Amino acid sequence: MENAAGNWTMCPECRGQGKKSKGLSKKAQLLYRKALLECKTADGTGTPSVLPKAHLYPCQNCRGTGLIPAAAPPVPDMQTYPHIAIIGGGIGGVALAVACLHRGIPFTLYERDPDFHARSQGYGLTLQQAGKAIEALGISQLEDAVVSTRHLVHDPRGKIIGEWGARKWLDSNAELPEKRTNMHIARQSLRLALLKQLGGHDAVQWGHQLLDFTEADGGGINLRFLVDGEIKNVHAGLLVGADGIRSTVRKQLIGESTTPLCYLDCIVILGICPLAALDGIDTPLLDSATVFQTANGKERIYMMPYTANEVMWQLSFPMAQAAATALSAGGSGPLKEEACRRTQWHTPIPQIVAATPETRISGYPVYDRQLLSANLLEKAGSITLIGDAAHPMSPFKGQGANQALLDALALARSISKGCKSAGWIKTGIRKSVLAAFESEMLKRSAVKVKDSATAAGLLHSEIVLKEGNAPRGRCLKENK
């Protein structure tokens, strides 16, 4: 949708949902009434009939995005919606702020870092299901994104043991799969694109470290921040923790001992290498449209386009937790040495690892947490979680950022829908909005968390070497 001004507001026909209801058919209504009548006349042992959900279809007015162009950003509607305190200026937090902006939902976005560049945020992301969510966040095109059309799996000698992607199917004259093509983008580039929707870096309250929060007597949440060495007190109608795997909000809300970090028995080393540093290396694997991985049943390296001129690699292998923690703490030098030692494989892997500047290398032990259950949040009142704060997962399925974006959009849409009448103030934000949102979020993300944890074992086992033109996850299912 053309939008020269770059401002958006929610579509009035679908109220920013992106979908509209066709309503229940007469047949469905009659069947429901019949079932309800039978339940009322029975001896009381039957199960009450549940009203079926109407079929939804994409809104034609906004082309399913939930947004239409606007001359200026919407004015926050302080009378209709609660003021939201968003903790965490990462992908999920900024995306939620953007989705709230478009719907006139008042918010303040807090980030503990002093500025955008304070910490290394250098790794790349693969956008899968969230590609459509990006459009619903007002971003029609990610200028820095790179699209991959080929995915290869090798053994250490360079033998291809698996291949898929658009080019594979086109070359074989086979029918293209319906699944969208993957987009790869630097995390900071996506974060910056989202911040531009908010008007830039000034939209974030930088340098705000959340200390704690309490329920306010008159409703809502009181928060305490440490800002430049001083205590700052603020009030919000709704608190959203988008502050990552070690979320301060989650720790106070649920407790660390209830769902502690779970070590997945492996470490990840990341690097970003400029293609210009690979002078003399001529290989189609570095055409900026190919993703490839190589594994030996223990170590596994994954390489993808980072930008048109850079490639990102992710090396992972099993390691005891104490050793992984020590290696990570040692910094980029020891991490690079370990990566070079373990990847003397086919070209161009050793050359890429060796040419990667130490300043572009990082590493960390891999963790997730036990899945949240709805009952752990049912007494949370005006507080909820999204992204890694709610459902952290390993990086091996590339789902962390995707799920965070989907969470953010779903929560903003739920607030817009659940607070459209003043009745929510009496029933409370949890009953009106959060309970249903969390139920959907936890159900959607649960399979991703489980699959990501499974992949942490699969990709470092002999199963990864099974020949087949399909993602390695399918090999595990075939071997069950």
Protein backbone atom coordinates (compact mmCIF):
# COMPACT_ATOMS: atom_id res chain seq x y z
CA MET A 1 0.00 0.00 0.00
CA GLU A 2 1.47 3.37 -1.06
CA ASN A 3 2.16 5.70 1.86
CA ALA A 4 4.48 8.58 1.08
CA ALA A 5 4.12 10.17 4.53
CA GLY A 6 5.04 6.93 6.27
CA ASN A 7 2.34 7.32 8.93
CA TRP A 8 -0.30 4.71 9.66
CA THR A 9 -3.48 4.33 11.64
CA MET A 10 -5.64 1.31 12.33
CA CYS A 11 -8.16 0.34 9.69
CA PRO A 12 -11.66 1.43 10.82
CA GLU A 13 -13.37 -1.53 9.12
CA CYS A 14 -11.46 -4.25 11.01
CA ARG A 15 -10.27 -2.07 13.91
CA GLY A 16 -6.67 -2.95 13.23
CA GLN A 17 -7.23 -6.71 13.39
CA GLY A 18 -6.45 -7.36 9.72
CA LYS A 19 -9.38 -9.78 9.55
CA LYS A 20 -13.15 -9.53 9.62
CA SER A 21 -15.79 -12.00 10.65
CA LYS A 22 -18.32 -13.35 8.19
CA GLY A 23 -20.56 -14.21 11.09
CA LEU A 24 -22.06 -17.60 11.82
CA SER A 25 -24.05 -19.25 9.06
CA LYS A 26 -27.73 -19.95 9.70
CA LYS A 27 -26.95 -23.66 9.79
CA ALA A 28 -24.28 -23.17 12.47
CA GLN A 29 -26.63 -21.00 14.52
CA LEU A 30 -29.43 -23.59 14.34
CA LEU A 31 -27.09 -26.41 15.32
CA TYR A 32 -25.84 -24.40 18.28
CA ARG A 33 -29.36 -23.58 19.48
CA LYS A 34 -30.35 -27.22 19.13
CA ALA A 35 -27.31 -28.37 21.15
CA LEU A 36 -27.97 -25.73 23.79
CA LEU A 37 -31.60 -26.76 24.10
CA GLU A 38 -30.67 -30.43 24.43
CA CYS A 39 -28.18 -29.53 27.16
CA LYS A 40 -30.81 -27.59 29.13
CA THR A 41 -33.38 -30.41 28.93
CA ALA A 42 -30.94 -33.19 29.81
CA ASP A 43 -30.42 -34.55 33.31
CA GLY A 44 -27.51 -32.20 33.97
CA THR A 45 -24.75 -34.66 33.10
CA GLY A 46 -24.08 -33.32 29.61
CA THR A 47 -21.43 -30.80 28.56
CA PRO A 48 -22.75 -27.31 27.82
CA SER A 49 -22.55 -26.40 24.17
CA VAL A 50 -19.84 -23.94 23.13
CA LEU A 51 -20.71 -21.21 20.64
CA PRO A 52 -18.69 -21.91 17.48
CA LYS A 53 -16.32 -19.25 16.18
CA ALA A 54 -17.19 -17.46 12.99
CA HIS A 55 -14.88 -17.78 9.99
CA LEU A 56 -12.44 -14.89 9.54
CA TYR A 57 -11.25 -13.48 6.24
CA PRO A 58 -8.64 -10.80 5.37
CA CYS A 59 -9.97 -7.27 5.47
CA GLN A 60 -10.01 -5.90 1.94
CA ASN A 61 -9.84 -2.27 3.05
CA CYS A 62 -6.35 -2.69 4.55
CA ARG A 63 -5.29 -5.81 2.60
CA GLY A 64 -5.07 -7.78 5.80
CA THR A 65 -2.51 -5.54 7.51
CA GLY A 66 -4.90 -3.79 9.89
CA LEU A 67 -3.44 -0.42 8.83
CA ILE A 68 -4.28 2.39 6.44
CA PRO A 69 -2.17 5.45 5.54
CA ALA A 70 -2.52 8.55 7.72
CA ALA A 71 -1.40 12.14 7.42
CA ALA A 72 0.07 12.00 10.92
CA PRO A 73 0.51 9.41 13.67
CA PRO A 74 -2.66 8.82 15.72
CA VAL A 75 -3.04 10.81 18.92
CA PRO A 76 -2.87 8.51 21.97
CA ASP A 77 -6.37 7.83 23.29
CA MET A 78 -5.92 8.21 27.05
CA GLN A 79 -9.64 7.76 27.73
CA THR A 80 -10.13 4.43 25.96
CA TYR A 81 -6.90 2.55 26.66
CA PRO A 82 -4.60 1.94 29.64
CA HIS A 83 -1.15 3.52 29.50
CA ILE A 84 1.34 0.74 28.80
CA ALA A 85 4.85 0.55 30.26
CA ILE A 86 6.95 -1.59 27.91
CA ILE A 87 10.14 -2.89 29.52
CA GLY A 88 12.82 -3.72 26.96
CA GLY A 89 13.82 -1.96 23.76
CA GLY A 90 14.66 -5.07 21.76
CA ILE A 91 12.74 -6.41 18.78
CA GLY A 92 9.61 -7.41 20.72
CA GLY A 93 9.41 -4.26 22.83
CA VAL A 94 9.89 -1.86 19.93
CA ALA A 95 7.44 -3.84 17.76
CA LEU A 96 4.81 -3.60 20.50
CA ALA A 97 5.38 0.15 20.75
CA VAL A 98 4.91 0.47 16.98
CA ALA A 99 1.70 -1.57 16.99
CA CYS A 100 0.38 0.53 19.88
CA LEU A 101 1.30 3.78 18.10
CA HIS A 102 -0.75 2.78 15.06
CA ARG A 103 -3.79 2.12 17.22
CA GLY A 104 -3.58 5.20 19.40
CA ILE A 105 -2.73 3.13 22.48
CA PRO A 106 -0.64 5.23 24.90
CA PHE A 107 2.72 3.72 25.86
CA THR A 108 6.19 4.44 27.18
CA LEU A 109 9.12 2.30 26.06
CA TYR A 110 11.89 1.79 28.64
CA GLU A 111 15.35 0.35 27.95
CA ARG A 112 18.17 -0.09 30.46
CA ASP A 113 20.93 0.48 27.87
CA PRO A 114 22.10 4.11 27.65
CA ASP A 115 21.65 4.20 23.86
CA PHE A 116 20.98 2.19 20.73
CA HIS A 117 24.63 1.18 20.22
CA ALA A 118 25.47 0.35 23.84
CA ARG A 119 25.65 -3.43 23.42
CA SER A 120 26.69 -5.74 20.62
CA GLN A 121 23.48 -6.65 18.78
CA GLY A 122 25.29 -7.91 15.74
CA TYR A 123 23.74 -11.22 14.84
CA GLY A 124 21.32 -11.80 11.98
CA LEU A 125 17.71 -12.91 11.98
CA THR A 126 15.70 -15.06 9.63
CA LEU A 127 12.14 -13.85 9.17
CA GLN A 128 9.72 -16.67 8.42
CA GLN A 129 6.10 -16.43 9.63
CA ALA A 130 6.81 -12.89 10.84
CA GLY A 131 7.34 -11.63 7.29
CA LYS A 132 3.63 -10.85 7.13
CA ALA A 133 3.73 -9.29 10.59
CA ILE A 134 6.34 -6.82 9.33
CA GLU A 135 3.78 -5.45 6.86
CA ALA A 136 1.25 -5.19 9.68
CA LEU A 137 3.80 -3.05 11.55
CA GLY A 138 3.82 -0.49 8.74
CA ILE A 139 7.03 -1.66 7.04
CA SER A 140 6.36 -2.43 3.40
CA GLN A 141 9.99 -3.23 2.60
CA LEU A 142 13.11 -3.98 4.64
CA GLU A 143 15.78 -2.33 2.54
CA ASP A 144 18.67 -4.18 4.21
CA ALA A 145 17.05 -7.62 4.04
CA VAL A 146 18.56 -10.38 1.92
CA VAL A 147 16.39 -13.16 0.47
CA SER A 148 17.76 -16.70 0.28
CA THR A 149 16.61 -19.05 -2.47
CA ARG A 150 18.86 -22.05 -1.83
CA HIS A 151 19.72 -24.08 1.26
CA LEU A 152 22.44 -26.74 1.31
CA VAL A 153 23.64 -29.26 3.89
CA HIS A 154 27.17 -30.71 3.63
CA ASP A 155 29.36 -33.18 5.40
CA PRO A 156 32.84 -31.90 6.40
CA ARG A 157 34.34 -32.93 3.03
CA GLY A 158 31.83 -30.79 1.16
CA LYS A 159 29.53 -33.53 -0.09
CA ILE A 160 25.96 -32.23 -0.46
CA ILE A 161 23.61 -34.38 1.62
CA GLY A 162 20.56 -32.12 1.38
CA GLU A 163 19.26 -29.27 -0.76
CA TRP A 164 16.03 -27.29 -0.87
CA GLY A 165 14.71 -23.84 -1.71
CA ALA A 166 13.21 -22.01 -4.68
CA ARG A 167 16.17 -22.61 -6.98
CA LYS A 168 16.13 -26.34 -6.27
CA TRP A 169 12.47 -26.66 -7.18
CA LEU A 170 12.77 -24.41 -10.22
CA ASP A 171 15.77 -26.35 -11.51
CA SER A 172 13.87 -29.61 -11.15
CA ASN A 173 10.65 -28.17 -12.69
CA ALA A 174 8.83 -29.21 -9.54
CA GLU A 175 5.95 -27.25 -8.10
CA LEU A 176 7.10 -24.51 -5.76
CA PRO A 177 6.03 -24.97 -2.13
CA GLU A 178 3.55 -22.46 -0.74
CA LYS A 179 5.81 -21.48 2.17
CA ARG A 180 7.21 -17.95 1.97
CA THR A 181 10.84 -17.35 1.09
CA ASN A 182 13.04 -16.60 4.10
CA MET A 183 14.39 -13.10 4.60
CA HIS A 184 17.66 -12.51 6.45
CA ILE A 185 18.41 -9.23 8.16
CA ALA A 186 20.77 -7.89 10.80
CA ARG A 187 19.03 -7.57 14.16
CA GLN A 188 20.02 -3.92 14.46
CA SER A 189 18.72 -3.15 10.98
CA LEU A 190 15.29 -4.56 11.85
CA ARG A 191 15.35 -2.77 15.19
CA LEU A 192 16.21 0.51 13.45
CA ALA A 193 13.43 0.05 10.89
CA LEU A 194 10.96 -0.37 13.75
CA LEU A 195 12.35 2.65 15.61
CA LYS A 196 11.85 4.77 12.49
CA GLN A 197 8.14 3.97 12.74
CA LEU A 198 8.26 5.55 16.21
CA GLY A 199 10.05 8.64 14.93
CA GLY A 200 13.58 7.64 15.90
CA HIS A 201 15.70 6.91 18.96
CA ASP A 202 14.10 9.63 21.07
CA ALA A 203 10.96 7.51 21.35
CA VAL A 204 12.82 5.27 23.82
CA GLN A 205 13.47 6.11 27.47
CA TRP A 206 17.13 5.02 27.46
CA GLY A 207 19.10 4.35 30.62
CA HIS A 208 16.08 3.16 32.63
CA GLN A 209 16.89 0.07 34.69
CA LEU A 210 13.78 -1.45 36.22
CA LEU A 211 14.26 -2.19 39.92
CA ASP A 212 10.83 -3.45 40.94
CA PHE A 213 7.09 -2.88 40.67
CA THR A 214 3.99 -3.08 42.85
CA GLU A 215 0.25 -3.03 42.33
CA ALA A 216 -1.20 0.44 42.82
CA ASP A 217 -4.09 0.93 45.27
CA GLY A 218 -6.26 2.59 42.65
CA GLY A 219 -5.42 0.07 39.93
CA GLY A 220 -2.49 -0.31 37.57
CA ILE A 221 1.19 -0.73 38.41
CA ASN A 222 3.77 1.45 40.16
CA LEU A 223 7.31 1.03 38.84
CA ARG A 224 10.71 2.05 40.20
CA PHE A 225 13.64 2.71 37.86
CA LEU A 226 17.27 3.55 38.43
CA VAL A 227 18.15 6.44 36.12
CA ASP A 228 21.56 8.15 36.28
CA GLY A 229 22.02 6.93 39.83
CA GLU A 230 18.66 8.25 41.02
CA ILE A 231 15.32 6.56 41.70
CA LYS A 232 12.48 7.39 39.33
CA ASN A 233 8.86 6.42 40.07
CA VAL A 234 6.23 6.02 37.35
CA HIS A 235 2.70 4.64 37.08
CA ALA A 236 1.20 2.57 34.27
CA GLY A 237 -2.11 0.89 33.58
CA LEU A 238 -0.43 -2.18 32.08
CA LEU A 239 3.12 -3.51 32.44
CA VAL A 240 4.61 -5.61 29.62
CA GLY A 241 7.89 -7.42 30.14
CA ALA A 242 9.75 -7.61 26.83
CA ASP A 243 13.13 -7.72 28.55
CA GLY A 244 14.59 -10.98 27.32
CA ILE A 245 15.53 -14.38 28.66
CA ARG A 246 16.72 -12.92 32.00
CA SER A 247 13.66 -10.72 32.33
CA THR A 248 13.44 -8.62 35.48
CA VAL A 249 9.66 -8.51 35.09
CA ARG A 250 9.38 -12.30 34.89
CA LYS A 251 11.76 -12.82 37.81
CA GLN A 252 9.64 -10.70 40.16
CA LEU A 253 6.34 -11.92 38.74
CA ILE A 254 6.99 -15.68 38.70
CA GLY A 255 10.29 -16.21 40.50
CA GLU A 256 13.52 -17.63 39.12
CA SER A 257 13.16 -20.93 40.97
CA THR A 258 9.75 -21.69 39.45
CA THR A 259 11.01 -21.83 35.86
CA PRO A 260 14.82 -21.62 36.03
CA LEU A 261 17.13 -21.37 33.04
CA CYS A 262 17.62 -24.77 31.43
CA TYR A 263 21.03 -25.41 29.85
CA LEU A 264 20.73 -27.18 26.50
CA ASP A 265 24.19 -28.76 26.68
CA CYS A 266 25.79 -26.73 23.92
CA ILE A 267 27.50 -23.44 23.14
CA VAL A 268 27.08 -21.14 20.14
CA ILE A 269 29.86 -19.03 18.61
CA LEU A 270 28.78 -16.28 16.19
CA GLY A 271 30.81 -14.35 13.65
CA ILE A 272 30.26 -11.84 10.84
CA CYS A 273 32.75 -11.83 8.00
CA PRO A 274 33.02 -9.20 5.22
CA LEU A 275 33.09 -10.82 1.80
CA ALA A 276 35.88 -8.40 0.86
CA ALA A 277 38.14 -10.21 3.34
CA LEU A 278 37.83 -13.40 1.26
CA ASP A 279 39.89 -12.30 -1.72
CA GLY A 280 40.55 -15.22 -4.04
CA ILE A 281 37.73 -17.39 -2.70
CA ASP A 282 35.36 -18.07 -5.59
CA THR A 283 32.37 -20.20 -4.66
CA PRO A 284 28.63 -20.07 -5.40
CA LEU A 285 28.04 -20.58 -1.66
CA LEU A 286 28.84 -16.89 -1.20
CA ASP A 287 26.38 -15.49 -3.76
CA SER A 288 24.40 -13.66 -1.02
CA ALA A 289 21.35 -15.82 -1.76
CA THR A 290 22.48 -19.16 -0.38
CA VAL A 291 22.26 -20.55 3.14
CA PHE A 292 24.44 -23.54 3.89
CA GLN A 293 25.35 -25.67 6.87
CA THR A 294 27.97 -28.31 7.50
CA ALA A 295 27.95 -30.89 10.27
CA ASN A 296 29.85 -33.97 11.41
CA GLY A 297 27.46 -35.37 14.00
CA LYS A 298 28.93 -33.24 16.77
CA GLU A 299 29.93 -29.78 15.55
CA ARG A 300 27.68 -27.87 13.18
CA ILE A 301 28.21 -24.56 11.41
CA TYR A 302 25.42 -22.58 9.76
CA MET A 303 26.15 -19.75 7.33
CA MET A 304 23.71 -17.23 5.93
CA PRO A 305 23.80 -13.87 4.15
CA TYR A 306 24.02 -11.05 6.69
CA THR A 307 24.02 -8.19 4.20
CA ALA A 308 24.76 -8.12 0.50
CA ASN A 309 28.46 -7.78 1.44
CA GLU A 310 28.76 -9.91 4.57
CA VAL A 311 28.13 -13.45 5.72
CA MET A 312 27.19 -14.55 9.24
CA TRP A 313 28.19 -17.88 10.71
CA GLN A 314 26.94 -19.77 13.74
CA LEU A 315 29.06 -22.60 15.09
CA SER A 316 27.56 -24.84 17.78
CA PHE A 317 28.73 -27.95 19.59
CA PRO A 318 28.14 -29.82 22.86
CA MET A 319 30.09 -28.58 25.87
CA ALA A 320 29.73 -28.86 29.63
CA GLN A 321 28.04 -25.81 31.14
CA ALA A 322 31.00 -24.68 33.22
CA ALA A 323 33.37 -24.94 30.26
CA ALA A 324 30.92 -23.11 27.97
CA THR A 325 30.50 -20.31 30.50
CA ALA A 326 34.27 -19.96 30.88
CA LEU A 327 34.86 -19.95 27.11
CA SER A 328 32.20 -17.28 26.61
CA ALA A 329 33.65 -15.15 29.41
CA GLY A 330 37.09 -15.38 27.81
CA GLY A 331 35.99 -13.11 24.99
CA SER A 332 36.38 -13.07 21.24
CA GLY A 333 40.00 -14.22 21.07
CA PRO A 334 39.53 -17.66 22.68
CA LEU A 335 36.19 -18.03 20.92
CA LYS A 336 37.80 -17.51 17.52
CA GLU A 337 40.62 -19.93 18.34
CA GLU A 338 38.10 -22.60 19.32
CA ALA A 339 36.04 -22.00 16.17
CA CYS A 340 39.08 -22.24 13.90
CA ARG A 341 40.25 -25.45 15.59
CA ARG A 342 36.89 -27.15 15.15
CA THR A 343 36.12 -26.14 11.54
CA GLN A 344 38.99 -27.35 9.36
CA TRP A 345 36.45 -28.52 6.83
CA HIS A 346 35.65 -27.86 3.17
CA THR A 347 36.12 -24.47 1.49
CA PRO A 348 35.12 -21.75 2.27
CA ILE A 349 34.47 -22.53 5.96
CA PRO A 350 38.04 -22.35 7.36
CA GLN A 351 38.76 -19.25 5.31
CA ILE A 352 35.60 -17.46 6.51
CA VAL A 353 36.23 -18.23 10.18
CA ALA A 354 39.89 -17.20 9.93
CA ALA A 355 39.04 -13.95 8.10
CA THR A 356 36.38 -12.89 10.60
CA PRO A 357 37.61 -9.97 12.73
CA GLU A 358 37.71 -10.75 16.45
CA THR A 359 35.57 -7.66 17.06
CA ARG A 360 32.77 -9.39 15.14
CA ILE A 361 32.84 -12.62 17.14
CA SER A 362 30.78 -13.49 20.23
CA GLY A 363 29.57 -16.63 21.96
CA TYR A 364 27.26 -17.86 24.67
CA PRO A 365 25.93 -21.04 26.32
CA VAL A 366 22.45 -21.93 25.04
CA TYR A 367 19.49 -21.88 27.43
CA ASP A 368 15.72 -21.99 27.39
CA ARG A 369 13.11 -22.31 30.14
CA GLN A 370 10.27 -24.65 31.00
CA LEU A 371 7.10 -23.72 29.16
CA LEU A 372 4.88 -21.25 30.97
CA SER A 373 1.40 -22.39 31.86
CA ALA A 374 -1.58 -20.07 31.95
CA ASN A 375 -2.04 -20.60 35.69
CA LEU A 376 1.35 -19.01 36.39
CA LEU A 377 0.02 -15.78 34.91
CA GLU A 378 -3.63 -15.88 35.96
CA LYS A 379 -2.91 -13.87 39.13
CA ALA A 380 -0.55 -11.45 37.39
CA GLY A 381 -3.21 -8.74 37.19
CA SER A 382 -2.13 -5.90 34.90
CA ILE A 383 1.18 -7.52 33.94
CA THR A 384 2.12 -9.77 31.03
CA LEU A 385 5.19 -11.01 29.13
CA ILE A 386 6.15 -11.31 25.47
CA GLY A 387 9.07 -12.64 23.45
CA ASP A 388 11.99 -14.26 25.25
CA ALA A 389 10.63 -13.02 28.58
CA ALA A 390 7.64 -15.33 28.05
CA HIS A 391 9.04 -18.23 25.99
CA PRO A 392 12.83 -18.21 25.50
CA MET A 393 14.11 -20.81 23.06
CA SER A 394 17.30 -22.00 21.45
CA PRO A 395 18.41 -20.27 18.22
CA PHE A 396 18.40 -23.45 16.16
CA LYS A 397 14.99 -23.00 14.57
CA GLY A 398 15.35 -19.24 14.03
CA GLN A 399 12.08 -18.57 15.82
CA GLY A 400 12.93 -16.16 18.65
CA ALA A 401 12.47 -12.90 16.76
CA ASN A 402 9.59 -14.29 14.71
CA GLN A 403 7.59 -15.19 17.79
CA ALA A 404 8.40 -11.86 19.49
CA LEU A 405 7.04 -9.94 16.50
CA LEU A 406 3.90 -12.07 16.43
CA ASP A 407 3.46 -11.59 20.19
CA ALA A 408 3.75 -7.82 19.90
CA LEU A 409 1.22 -7.53 17.10
CA ALA A 410 -1.20 -9.94 18.79
CA LEU A 411 -1.06 -8.06 22.10
CA ALA A 412 -1.69 -4.65 20.51
CA ARG A 413 -4.60 -6.06 18.53
CA SER A 414 -5.99 -7.69 21.68
CA ILE A 415 -5.82 -4.40 23.59
CA SER A 416 -7.51 -2.55 20.74
CA LYS A 417 -10.29 -5.13 20.59
CA GLY A 418 -10.71 -5.79 24.31
CA CYS A 419 -10.70 -2.14 25.38
CA LYS A 420 -12.97 -0.75 22.66
CA SER A 421 -15.74 -0.28 25.24
CA ALA A 422 -15.43 1.13 28.75
CA GLY A 423 -16.56 -2.20 30.22
CA TRP A 424 -12.96 -3.42 30.47
CA ILE A 425 -12.29 -1.00 33.32
CA LYS A 426 -14.86 -2.79 35.47
CA THR A 427 -13.88 -6.33 34.48
CA GLY A 428 -10.15 -5.59 34.48
CA ILE A 429 -7.48 -5.78 31.80
CA ARG A 430 -6.65 -9.41 32.60
CA LYS A 431 -10.14 -10.75 31.98
CA SER A 432 -10.82 -8.38 29.07
CA VAL A 433 -7.50 -8.79 27.25
CA LEU A 434 -4.60 -10.64 28.81
CA ALA A 435 -6.08 -14.07 29.55
CA ALA A 436 -7.08 -14.73 25.94
CA PHE A 437 -3.90 -13.17 24.55
CA GLU A 438 -1.65 -15.28 26.79
CA SER A 439 -3.57 -18.46 25.99
CA GLU A 440 -3.05 -17.92 22.26
CA MET A 441 0.59 -16.83 22.67
CA LEU A 442 1.57 -19.79 24.84
CA LYS A 443 -0.18 -22.27 22.57
CA ARG A 444 1.44 -20.82 19.43
CA SER A 445 4.95 -20.58 20.87
CA ALA A 446 4.97 -23.92 22.74
CA VAL A 447 5.66 -25.97 19.63
CA LYS A 448 8.48 -23.59 18.64
CA VAL A 449 10.13 -23.87 22.06
CA LYS A 450 9.91 -27.67 21.97
CA ASP A 451 11.17 -27.92 18.39
CA SER A 452 14.05 -25.53 19.14
CA ALA A 453 15.10 -27.60 22.16
CA THR A 454 14.86 -30.80 20.11
CA ALA A 455 16.98 -29.22 17.38
CA ALA A 456 19.72 -28.50 19.92
CA GLY A 457 20.19 -32.24 20.22
CA LEU A 458 19.37 -33.23 16.64
CA LEU A 459 21.86 -30.90 14.96
CA HIS A 460 24.72 -32.28 17.05
CA SER A 461 23.94 -35.96 16.38
CA GLU A 462 24.38 -38.42 13.53
CA ILE A 463 20.79 -37.82 12.41
CA VAL A 464 21.83 -34.49 10.91
CA LEU A 465 23.91 -36.43 8.36
CA LYS A 466 20.91 -38.30 6.97
CA GLU A 467 20.63 -37.60 3.26
CA GLY A 468 17.44 -35.89 2.12
CA ASN A 469 16.29 -32.70 0.45
CA ALA A 470 14.48 -31.29 3.45
CA PRO A 471 15.27 -29.33 6.63
CA ARG A 472 17.04 -31.44 9.23
CA GLY A 473 14.02 -31.36 11.56
CA ARG A 474 12.10 -33.60 9.19
CA CYS A 475 14.86 -36.19 9.42
CA LEU A 476 14.17 -36.53 13.13
CA LYS A 477 10.45 -37.09 12.52
CA GLU A 478 11.23 -39.70 9.87
CA ASN A 479 13.47 -41.55 12.31
CA LYS A 480 10.89 -41.74 15.09
